[in-house]
N, C-alpha and C. Protein backbone atom coordinates (compact mmCIF):
# COMPACT_ATOMS: atom_id res chain seq x y z
N MET A 1 103.17 167.08 51.84
CA MET A 1 102.01 166.51 51.41
C MET A 1 102.09 165.02 51.57
N LYS A 2 101.12 164.43 52.06
CA LYS A 2 101.10 163.05 52.31
C LYS A 2 100.40 162.24 51.14
N ILE A 3 101.17 161.33 50.69
CA ILE A 3 100.63 160.48 49.60
C ILE A 3 100.14 159.19 50.12
N THR A 4 98.86 158.87 49.75
CA THR A 4 98.20 157.65 50.21
C THR A 4 98.25 156.62 49.14
N PRO A 5 98.01 155.34 49.47
CA PRO A 5 97.95 154.37 48.44
C PRO A 5 96.94 154.56 47.36
N LEU A 6 95.83 155.28 47.70
CA LEU A 6 94.85 155.59 46.79
C LEU A 6 95.34 156.61 45.75
N ASP A 7 96.09 157.62 46.29
CA ASP A 7 96.69 158.61 45.41
C ASP A 7 97.60 157.96 44.37
N ILE A 8 98.27 156.94 44.76
CA ILE A 8 99.29 156.26 43.90
C ILE A 8 98.46 155.55 42.82
N ARG A 9 97.35 154.87 43.21
CA ARG A 9 96.60 154.14 42.21
C ARG A 9 95.77 155.06 41.20
N GLN A 10 95.47 156.11 41.68
CA GLN A 10 94.67 157.02 40.85
C GLN A 10 95.62 157.96 39.96
N LYS A 11 96.76 158.05 40.26
CA LYS A 11 97.63 158.85 39.50
C LYS A 11 97.69 158.43 37.95
N ARG A 12 97.60 159.42 37.08
CA ARG A 12 97.63 159.14 35.69
C ARG A 12 98.68 160.08 35.06
N PHE A 13 99.42 159.50 34.20
CA PHE A 13 100.49 160.31 33.54
C PHE A 13 99.99 160.70 32.04
N GLU A 14 100.50 161.75 31.51
CA GLU A 14 100.13 162.02 30.16
C GLU A 14 101.14 161.07 29.13
N SER A 15 100.62 160.83 28.19
CA SER A 15 101.37 159.98 27.15
C SER A 15 102.31 161.04 26.37
N ALA A 16 103.46 160.49 26.16
CA ALA A 16 104.36 161.22 25.32
C ALA A 16 104.91 160.24 24.25
N LEU A 17 105.50 160.81 23.23
CA LEU A 17 105.96 159.98 22.05
C LEU A 17 106.96 158.90 22.48
N SER A 18 107.84 159.23 23.15
CA SER A 18 108.78 158.07 23.52
C SER A 18 108.72 157.93 25.01
N GLY A 19 107.56 157.63 25.51
CA GLY A 19 107.37 157.45 26.90
C GLY A 19 107.51 155.85 27.30
N PHE A 20 107.18 155.64 28.54
CA PHE A 20 107.32 154.28 29.10
C PHE A 20 106.03 153.55 28.68
N ARG A 21 106.09 152.22 28.73
CA ARG A 21 104.94 151.54 28.38
C ARG A 21 103.92 151.66 29.52
N LYS A 22 102.73 151.92 29.11
CA LYS A 22 101.57 152.26 30.07
C LYS A 22 101.42 151.13 31.07
N THR A 23 101.34 149.85 30.58
CA THR A 23 101.04 148.70 31.44
C THR A 23 102.15 148.51 32.44
N ASP A 24 103.41 148.83 32.14
CA ASP A 24 104.56 148.57 33.04
C ASP A 24 104.45 149.60 34.19
N VAL A 25 104.16 150.92 33.79
CA VAL A 25 104.06 151.95 34.81
C VAL A 25 102.83 151.67 35.64
N GLU A 26 101.72 151.23 35.19
CA GLU A 26 100.53 150.95 36.10
C GLU A 26 100.81 149.74 36.89
N SER A 27 101.46 148.85 36.46
CA SER A 27 101.85 147.71 37.21
C SER A 27 102.80 148.08 38.40
N PHE A 28 103.78 148.87 38.04
CA PHE A 28 104.66 149.38 39.03
C PHE A 28 103.94 150.24 40.07
N LEU A 29 103.13 151.07 39.58
CA LEU A 29 102.26 151.97 40.54
C LEU A 29 101.45 151.12 41.44
N GLU A 30 100.85 150.00 40.92
CA GLU A 30 100.02 149.15 41.70
C GLU A 30 100.91 148.46 42.82
N SER A 31 102.11 148.04 42.43
CA SER A 31 103.06 147.41 43.51
C SER A 31 103.50 148.43 44.44
N VAL A 32 103.81 149.67 44.07
CA VAL A 32 104.16 150.72 44.95
C VAL A 32 102.97 151.05 45.95
N ALA A 33 101.86 151.10 45.38
CA ALA A 33 100.59 151.40 46.24
C ALA A 33 100.29 150.28 47.29
N SER A 34 100.46 149.00 46.81
CA SER A 34 100.36 147.90 47.76
C SER A 34 101.33 148.06 48.85
N GLU A 35 102.62 148.30 48.47
CA GLU A 35 103.64 148.37 49.59
C GLU A 35 103.44 149.50 50.52
N VAL A 36 102.99 150.69 49.89
CA VAL A 36 102.70 151.85 50.86
C VAL A 36 101.50 151.57 51.62
N GLU A 37 100.55 150.78 51.21
CA GLU A 37 99.44 150.42 51.88
C GLU A 37 99.84 149.53 53.04
N GLU A 38 100.67 148.72 52.91
CA GLU A 38 101.26 147.68 53.86
C GLU A 38 102.03 148.51 54.80
N LEU A 39 102.74 149.44 54.36
CA LEU A 39 103.63 150.32 55.31
C LEU A 39 102.66 151.11 56.12
N VAL A 40 101.67 151.71 55.65
CA VAL A 40 100.71 152.59 56.33
C VAL A 40 100.06 151.73 57.41
N LYS A 41 99.60 150.45 56.97
CA LYS A 41 98.95 149.56 57.98
C LYS A 41 99.94 149.19 59.17
N SER A 42 101.20 148.82 58.73
CA SER A 42 102.13 148.51 59.65
C SER A 42 102.57 149.71 60.62
N ASN A 43 102.57 150.90 59.93
CA ASN A 43 102.85 152.09 60.83
C ASN A 43 101.70 152.34 61.78
N GLY A 44 100.48 152.18 61.35
CA GLY A 44 99.45 152.29 62.29
C GLY A 44 99.42 151.28 63.43
N ALA A 45 99.75 150.05 63.06
CA ALA A 45 99.90 148.91 64.18
C ALA A 45 100.93 149.34 65.08
N LEU A 46 102.11 149.80 64.57
CA LEU A 46 103.34 150.27 65.41
C LEU A 46 102.88 151.31 66.20
N ARG A 47 102.17 152.34 65.73
CA ARG A 47 101.76 153.50 66.56
C ARG A 47 100.74 153.15 67.70
N ASP A 48 99.91 152.11 67.25
CA ASP A 48 99.04 151.65 68.43
C ASP A 48 99.81 150.86 69.47
N GLU A 49 100.77 150.07 68.99
CA GLU A 49 101.56 149.21 69.89
C GLU A 49 102.46 150.31 70.72
N LEU A 50 102.97 151.31 69.98
CA LEU A 50 103.79 152.38 70.80
C LEU A 50 102.91 152.96 71.78
N GLY A 51 101.71 153.40 71.50
CA GLY A 51 100.78 153.92 72.47
C GLY A 51 100.60 153.06 73.68
N HIS A 52 100.29 151.71 73.29
CA HIS A 52 100.05 150.76 74.36
C HIS A 52 101.34 150.64 75.29
N LEU A 53 102.42 150.62 74.66
CA LEU A 53 103.73 150.43 75.36
C LEU A 53 104.08 151.73 76.22
N GLN A 54 103.72 152.97 75.58
CA GLN A 54 103.94 154.12 76.37
C GLN A 54 102.99 154.15 77.58
N LEU A 55 101.83 153.60 77.37
CA LEU A 55 100.88 153.54 78.50
C LEU A 55 101.37 152.58 79.61
N ARG A 56 101.83 151.49 79.21
CA ARG A 56 102.44 150.48 80.04
C ARG A 56 103.69 151.16 80.76
N LEU A 57 104.46 151.74 79.98
CA LEU A 57 105.74 152.40 80.58
C LEU A 57 105.29 153.43 81.63
N GLN A 58 104.29 154.27 81.34
CA GLN A 58 103.90 155.13 82.32
C GLN A 58 103.35 154.45 83.51
N GLN A 59 102.67 153.38 83.40
CA GLN A 59 102.02 152.74 84.52
C GLN A 59 103.33 152.06 85.32
N HIS A 60 104.18 151.67 84.65
CA HIS A 60 105.48 151.15 85.34
C HIS A 60 106.20 152.12 86.01
N LEU A 61 106.33 153.38 85.42
CA LEU A 61 107.01 154.48 86.05
C LEU A 61 106.17 154.98 87.22
N ASP A 62 104.90 155.04 87.10
CA ASP A 62 104.06 155.28 88.35
C ASP A 62 104.34 154.34 89.43
N ARG A 63 104.25 153.06 89.09
CA ARG A 63 104.57 152.02 90.17
C ARG A 63 105.84 152.14 90.69
N GLU A 64 106.96 152.48 89.88
CA GLU A 64 108.27 152.55 90.40
C GLU A 64 108.34 153.75 91.31
N ARG A 65 107.62 154.84 91.12
CA ARG A 65 107.63 156.06 91.83
C ARG A 65 106.85 155.78 93.19
N THR A 66 105.76 155.04 93.02
CA THR A 66 104.99 154.63 94.19
C THR A 66 105.94 153.73 95.17
N LEU A 67 106.57 152.75 94.49
CA LEU A 67 107.42 151.87 95.31
C LEU A 67 108.64 152.76 95.94
N GLN A 68 109.11 153.59 95.29
CA GLN A 68 110.37 154.46 95.82
C GLN A 68 109.70 155.29 96.98
N GLU A 69 108.57 155.83 96.85
CA GLU A 69 107.86 156.58 97.95
C GLU A 69 107.64 155.72 99.16
N THR A 70 107.13 154.50 98.87
CA THR A 70 106.76 153.53 99.87
C THR A 70 108.06 153.00 100.54
N LEU A 71 109.11 152.84 99.79
CA LEU A 71 110.47 152.51 100.34
C LEU A 71 110.99 153.57 101.23
N LEU A 72 110.89 154.82 100.80
CA LEU A 72 111.25 156.03 101.66
C LEU A 72 110.53 156.09 102.86
N THR A 73 109.26 155.87 102.78
CA THR A 73 108.28 155.97 103.98
C THR A 73 108.66 154.79 105.01
N ALA A 74 108.96 153.61 104.41
CA ALA A 74 109.32 152.48 105.27
C ALA A 74 110.68 152.74 105.86
N GLN A 75 111.54 153.27 105.21
CA GLN A 75 112.94 153.59 105.85
C GLN A 75 112.77 154.58 106.92
N ARG A 76 111.94 155.63 106.63
CA ARG A 76 111.77 156.69 107.64
C ARG A 76 110.99 156.09 108.95
N LEU A 77 109.99 155.16 108.62
CA LEU A 77 109.30 154.72 109.68
C LEU A 77 110.17 153.70 110.46
N SER A 78 111.12 153.00 109.76
CA SER A 78 111.93 152.09 110.34
C SER A 78 112.90 152.82 111.29
N GLU A 79 113.47 153.93 110.93
CA GLU A 79 114.25 154.84 111.61
C GLU A 79 113.56 155.40 112.91
N ASP A 80 112.31 155.76 112.58
CA ASP A 80 111.56 156.18 113.80
C ASP A 80 111.24 155.10 114.76
N ILE A 81 111.01 153.95 114.25
CA ILE A 81 110.70 152.84 115.13
C ILE A 81 112.08 152.47 115.96
N LYS A 82 113.18 152.41 115.22
CA LYS A 82 114.62 152.24 115.84
C LYS A 82 114.73 153.32 116.96
N THR A 83 114.60 154.52 116.50
CA THR A 83 114.87 155.64 117.55
C THR A 83 114.01 155.43 118.82
N SER A 84 112.64 155.16 118.52
CA SER A 84 111.74 154.96 119.58
C SER A 84 112.01 153.83 120.44
N ALA A 85 112.42 152.69 119.81
CA ALA A 85 112.87 151.45 120.61
C ALA A 85 114.09 151.74 121.49
N LYS A 86 114.99 152.54 120.85
CA LYS A 86 116.23 152.87 121.53
C LYS A 86 116.05 153.79 122.75
N LYS A 87 115.06 154.83 122.61
CA LYS A 87 114.73 155.59 123.76
C LYS A 87 114.06 154.81 124.76
N GLU A 88 113.17 153.89 124.31
CA GLU A 88 112.34 153.06 125.25
C GLU A 88 113.36 152.14 126.02
N ALA A 89 114.28 151.55 125.36
CA ALA A 89 115.34 150.60 125.97
C ALA A 89 116.13 151.34 126.94
N GLU A 90 116.56 152.66 126.63
CA GLU A 90 117.35 153.54 127.47
C GLU A 90 116.50 153.86 128.85
N PHE A 91 115.22 154.11 128.55
CA PHE A 91 114.34 154.50 129.66
C PHE A 91 114.13 153.18 130.64
N ILE A 92 113.84 152.11 130.03
CA ILE A 92 113.76 150.94 130.72
C ILE A 92 115.05 150.51 131.44
N LEU A 93 116.19 150.59 130.89
CA LEU A 93 117.45 150.49 131.42
C LEU A 93 117.68 151.42 132.65
N ALA A 94 117.37 152.59 132.49
CA ALA A 94 117.57 153.69 133.63
C ALA A 94 116.61 153.21 134.73
N GLN A 95 115.28 152.84 134.40
CA GLN A 95 114.51 152.38 135.49
C GLN A 95 114.97 151.13 136.24
N ALA A 96 115.48 150.23 135.41
CA ALA A 96 116.02 148.93 135.97
C ALA A 96 117.21 149.28 136.93
N GLU A 97 118.10 150.13 136.38
CA GLU A 97 119.23 150.60 137.20
C GLU A 97 118.83 151.25 138.49
N HIS A 98 117.82 152.13 138.40
CA HIS A 98 117.29 152.86 139.61
C HIS A 98 116.69 151.81 140.52
N GLN A 99 115.96 150.93 139.98
CA GLN A 99 115.35 149.95 140.88
C GLN A 99 116.41 149.06 141.51
N ALA A 100 117.48 148.58 140.74
CA ALA A 100 118.51 147.74 141.29
C ALA A 100 119.22 148.62 142.26
N GLU A 101 119.45 149.89 142.20
CA GLU A 101 120.03 150.72 143.16
C GLU A 101 119.23 150.78 144.45
N LYS A 102 117.93 150.88 144.33
CA LYS A 102 117.01 150.86 145.51
C LYS A 102 117.11 149.49 146.22
N ILE A 103 117.05 148.33 145.39
CA ILE A 103 117.14 147.17 146.03
C ILE A 103 118.39 146.92 146.80
N VAL A 104 119.60 147.40 146.13
CA VAL A 104 120.90 147.26 146.81
C VAL A 104 120.84 148.01 148.12
N GLN A 105 120.38 149.25 148.04
CA GLN A 105 120.48 150.14 149.20
C GLN A 105 119.51 149.39 150.37
N SER A 106 118.34 148.95 150.04
CA SER A 106 117.46 148.32 150.94
C SER A 106 118.15 147.04 151.50
N ALA A 107 118.80 146.23 150.63
CA ALA A 107 119.53 145.12 151.18
C ALA A 107 120.62 145.49 152.16
N HIS A 108 121.32 146.65 151.71
CA HIS A 108 122.40 147.13 152.71
C HIS A 108 121.87 147.60 153.97
N GLN A 109 120.79 148.28 153.92
CA GLN A 109 120.12 148.69 155.20
C GLN A 109 119.71 147.50 156.07
N LYS A 110 119.16 146.51 155.37
CA LYS A 110 118.75 145.34 156.04
C LYS A 110 119.97 144.53 156.64
N LEU A 111 121.10 144.55 155.84
CA LEU A 111 122.24 143.97 156.43
C LEU A 111 122.79 144.68 157.56
N ILE A 112 122.80 146.05 157.58
CA ILE A 112 123.25 146.87 158.74
C ILE A 112 122.27 146.52 159.89
N GLN A 113 121.06 146.46 159.58
CA GLN A 113 120.06 146.22 160.73
C GLN A 113 120.34 144.81 161.31
N VAL A 114 120.62 143.78 160.43
CA VAL A 114 120.81 142.50 160.96
C VAL A 114 122.11 142.37 161.73
N VAL A 115 123.06 142.99 161.21
CA VAL A 115 124.30 143.07 162.15
C VAL A 115 124.22 143.74 163.38
N GLN A 116 123.45 144.76 163.43
CA GLN A 116 123.13 145.53 164.69
C GLN A 116 122.32 144.64 165.56
N ASP A 117 121.32 143.89 165.02
CA ASP A 117 120.58 142.96 165.82
C ASP A 117 121.46 141.85 166.44
N ILE A 118 122.35 141.39 165.56
CA ILE A 118 123.29 140.31 166.07
C ILE A 118 124.25 140.77 167.08
N ASP A 119 124.67 142.03 166.92
CA ASP A 119 125.59 142.62 168.05
C ASP A 119 124.70 142.79 169.32
N GLU A 120 123.54 143.32 169.10
CA GLU A 120 122.59 143.42 170.38
C GLU A 120 122.37 142.22 170.97
N LEU A 121 122.09 141.06 170.26
CA LEU A 121 121.87 139.82 170.81
C LEU A 121 123.11 139.20 171.51
N LYS A 122 124.20 139.45 170.88
CA LYS A 122 125.46 139.07 171.50
C LYS A 122 125.72 139.77 172.82
N ARG A 123 125.49 140.97 172.78
CA ARG A 123 125.59 141.85 174.14
C ARG A 123 124.70 141.42 175.16
N GLN A 124 123.33 141.14 174.74
CA GLN A 124 122.35 140.54 175.70
C GLN A 124 122.86 139.24 176.19
N ARG A 125 123.36 138.38 175.38
CA ARG A 125 123.75 136.98 175.76
C ARG A 125 124.85 137.13 176.85
N VAL A 126 125.90 137.97 176.50
CA VAL A 126 127.03 138.18 177.48
C VAL A 126 126.46 138.72 178.75
N GLN A 127 125.55 139.69 178.66
CA GLN A 127 124.97 140.22 179.87
C GLN A 127 124.17 139.11 180.69
N PHE A 128 123.28 138.32 179.87
CA PHE A 128 122.63 137.20 180.48
C PHE A 128 123.46 136.31 181.21
N GLU A 129 124.57 135.85 180.53
CA GLU A 129 125.50 134.82 181.02
C GLU A 129 126.06 135.46 182.30
N SER A 130 126.45 136.70 182.26
CA SER A 130 127.08 137.41 183.42
C SER A 130 126.12 137.35 184.61
N GLN A 131 124.80 137.61 184.34
CA GLN A 131 123.85 137.69 185.47
C GLN A 131 123.55 136.44 185.95
N VAL A 132 123.55 135.26 185.03
CA VAL A 132 123.29 133.98 185.51
C VAL A 132 124.51 133.55 186.42
N ARG A 133 125.75 133.74 185.89
CA ARG A 133 126.88 133.35 186.72
C ARG A 133 126.82 134.16 188.09
N GLY A 134 126.41 135.36 188.08
CA GLY A 134 126.34 136.15 189.32
C GLY A 134 125.28 135.57 190.15
N VAL A 135 124.02 135.21 189.77
CA VAL A 135 123.05 134.56 190.50
C VAL A 135 123.64 133.23 191.10
N ILE A 136 124.21 132.41 190.20
CA ILE A 136 124.76 131.12 190.59
C ILE A 136 125.83 131.31 191.73
N GLN A 137 126.80 132.28 191.53
CA GLN A 137 127.73 132.51 192.49
C GLN A 137 127.16 132.98 193.72
N ALA A 138 126.08 133.89 193.73
CA ALA A 138 125.37 134.34 194.88
C ALA A 138 124.80 133.25 195.61
N HIS A 139 124.05 132.30 194.88
CA HIS A 139 123.42 131.16 195.55
C HIS A 139 124.44 130.17 196.16
N SER A 140 125.55 130.06 195.34
CA SER A 140 126.68 129.09 195.86
C SER A 140 127.21 129.73 197.20
N LYS A 141 127.48 130.96 197.27
CA LYS A 141 127.94 131.68 198.41
C LYS A 141 126.95 131.51 199.51
N LEU A 142 125.67 131.71 199.21
CA LEU A 142 124.76 131.67 200.20
C LEU A 142 124.63 130.25 200.87
N LEU A 143 124.59 129.19 199.92
CA LEU A 143 124.47 127.85 200.37
C LEU A 143 125.73 127.52 201.27
N GLU A 144 126.94 128.04 200.82
CA GLU A 144 128.16 127.75 201.55
C GLU A 144 128.02 128.37 202.94
N THR A 145 127.51 129.60 202.90
CA THR A 145 127.50 130.37 204.13
C THR A 145 126.43 129.69 205.05
N PHE A 146 125.28 129.34 204.60
CA PHE A 146 124.35 128.67 205.31
C PHE A 146 124.93 127.28 205.94
N ARG A 147 125.58 126.57 205.10
CA ARG A 147 125.99 125.26 205.54
C ARG A 147 127.08 125.45 206.64
N GLN A 148 127.94 126.47 206.50
CA GLN A 148 128.98 126.68 207.55
C GLN A 148 128.40 127.19 208.82
N ALA A 149 127.46 128.01 208.68
CA ALA A 149 126.88 128.69 209.89
C ALA A 149 125.95 127.82 210.62
N THR A 150 125.23 126.99 210.11
CA THR A 150 124.29 126.14 210.88
C THR A 150 124.74 124.93 211.35
N PHE A 151 125.28 124.17 210.49
CA PHE A 151 125.64 122.75 210.74
C PHE A 151 127.07 122.51 210.46
N ALA A 152 127.65 121.62 211.21
CA ALA A 152 128.98 121.17 210.91
C ALA A 152 128.66 120.05 209.98
N GLU A 153 129.72 119.53 209.62
CA GLU A 153 129.82 118.41 208.38
C GLU A 153 128.89 117.35 208.85
N GLY A 154 128.87 116.64 209.88
CA GLY A 154 128.06 115.48 210.07
C GLY A 154 126.66 115.79 210.72
N GLU A 155 126.37 116.93 210.95
CA GLU A 155 125.21 117.22 211.69
C GLU A 155 123.83 117.29 210.95
N TRP A 156 123.97 117.08 209.76
CA TRP A 156 122.71 117.08 208.93
C TRP A 156 121.74 115.93 209.13
N GLU A 157 122.31 114.75 209.52
CA GLU A 157 121.47 113.60 209.65
C GLU A 157 120.47 113.84 210.79
N GLY A 158 120.73 114.40 211.87
CA GLY A 158 119.98 114.47 213.11
C GLY A 158 119.21 115.74 213.09
N ALA A 159 119.28 116.61 212.01
CA ALA A 159 118.54 117.85 212.06
C ALA A 159 117.04 117.60 212.20
N ASP A 160 116.53 116.54 211.60
CA ASP A 160 115.18 116.24 211.64
C ASP A 160 114.66 116.07 212.96
N ASP A 161 115.54 115.47 213.96
CA ASP A 161 115.10 115.12 215.23
C ASP A 161 114.92 116.40 216.06
N ASN A 162 115.58 117.41 215.71
CA ASN A 162 115.41 118.62 216.51
C ASN A 162 114.25 119.45 216.14
N VAL A 163 113.48 119.10 215.14
CA VAL A 163 112.32 119.77 214.77
C VAL A 163 111.13 119.16 215.42
N SER A 164 110.38 119.95 216.00
CA SER A 164 109.18 119.44 216.73
C SER A 164 107.92 119.88 216.00
N PHE A 165 106.93 119.04 216.00
CA PHE A 165 105.76 119.17 215.24
C PHE A 165 104.64 119.62 216.17
N LEU A 166 103.98 120.66 215.74
CA LEU A 166 102.80 121.02 216.63
C LEU A 166 101.63 120.31 216.08
N PRO A 167 100.62 120.01 216.99
CA PRO A 167 99.47 119.42 216.50
C PRO A 167 98.58 120.47 215.78
N PRO A 168 97.72 119.89 214.89
CA PRO A 168 96.95 120.90 214.23
C PRO A 168 95.81 121.53 214.98
N LYS A 169 95.37 122.64 214.90
CA LYS A 169 94.38 123.31 215.67
C LYS A 169 93.12 122.78 215.15
N LYS A 170 92.20 122.87 216.17
CA LYS A 170 90.77 122.50 215.84
C LYS A 170 90.04 123.68 215.62
N VAL A 171 89.22 123.66 214.65
CA VAL A 171 88.54 125.02 214.24
C VAL A 171 87.35 125.28 215.14
N GLY A 172 86.59 124.34 215.50
CA GLY A 172 85.38 124.41 216.32
C GLY A 172 85.85 124.75 217.78
N ALA A 173 86.90 124.40 218.28
CA ALA A 173 87.21 124.49 219.80
C ALA A 173 87.65 125.85 220.20
N GLU A 174 88.14 126.66 219.27
CA GLU A 174 88.60 128.05 219.72
C GLU A 174 87.56 128.87 220.00
N ARG A 175 86.42 128.79 219.80
CA ARG A 175 85.42 129.70 220.15
C ARG A 175 84.70 129.59 221.34
């Protein structure tokens, strides 16, 4: 059973022959009632504060749970991004390696073609030089043969005297 400050104030005791002095008991009861009243008020204030603090605690716990969930989500997202970036980097690297391989193969083919072209040009040069030497030798032999067969060493000066010139024909006289 709860005793309130009002219950203490209204409590009356029966008088007995050798009892306590009535004024002392009433004064004491008034003091106890005042103390109980203060305690009830303080208890109410503490209950209110406790309720407020419990509400704040619950809010903080909710925030902490939300932050933990957010942190877990961020960690998962971070891992997903890392995994995705790693896959993309591997793909880009594979493409770059493939492209580099194609470039190297193309350059190698061009090198082979250039070497073949150089070899062909060298062969053509040797052939051309050989043909030019042949032509020069043939002309040299022809000149030598012509010189020996037609004229002796000193007969070139008078060769013009042996050539006779014919007068030009008249166009109108022939008809």
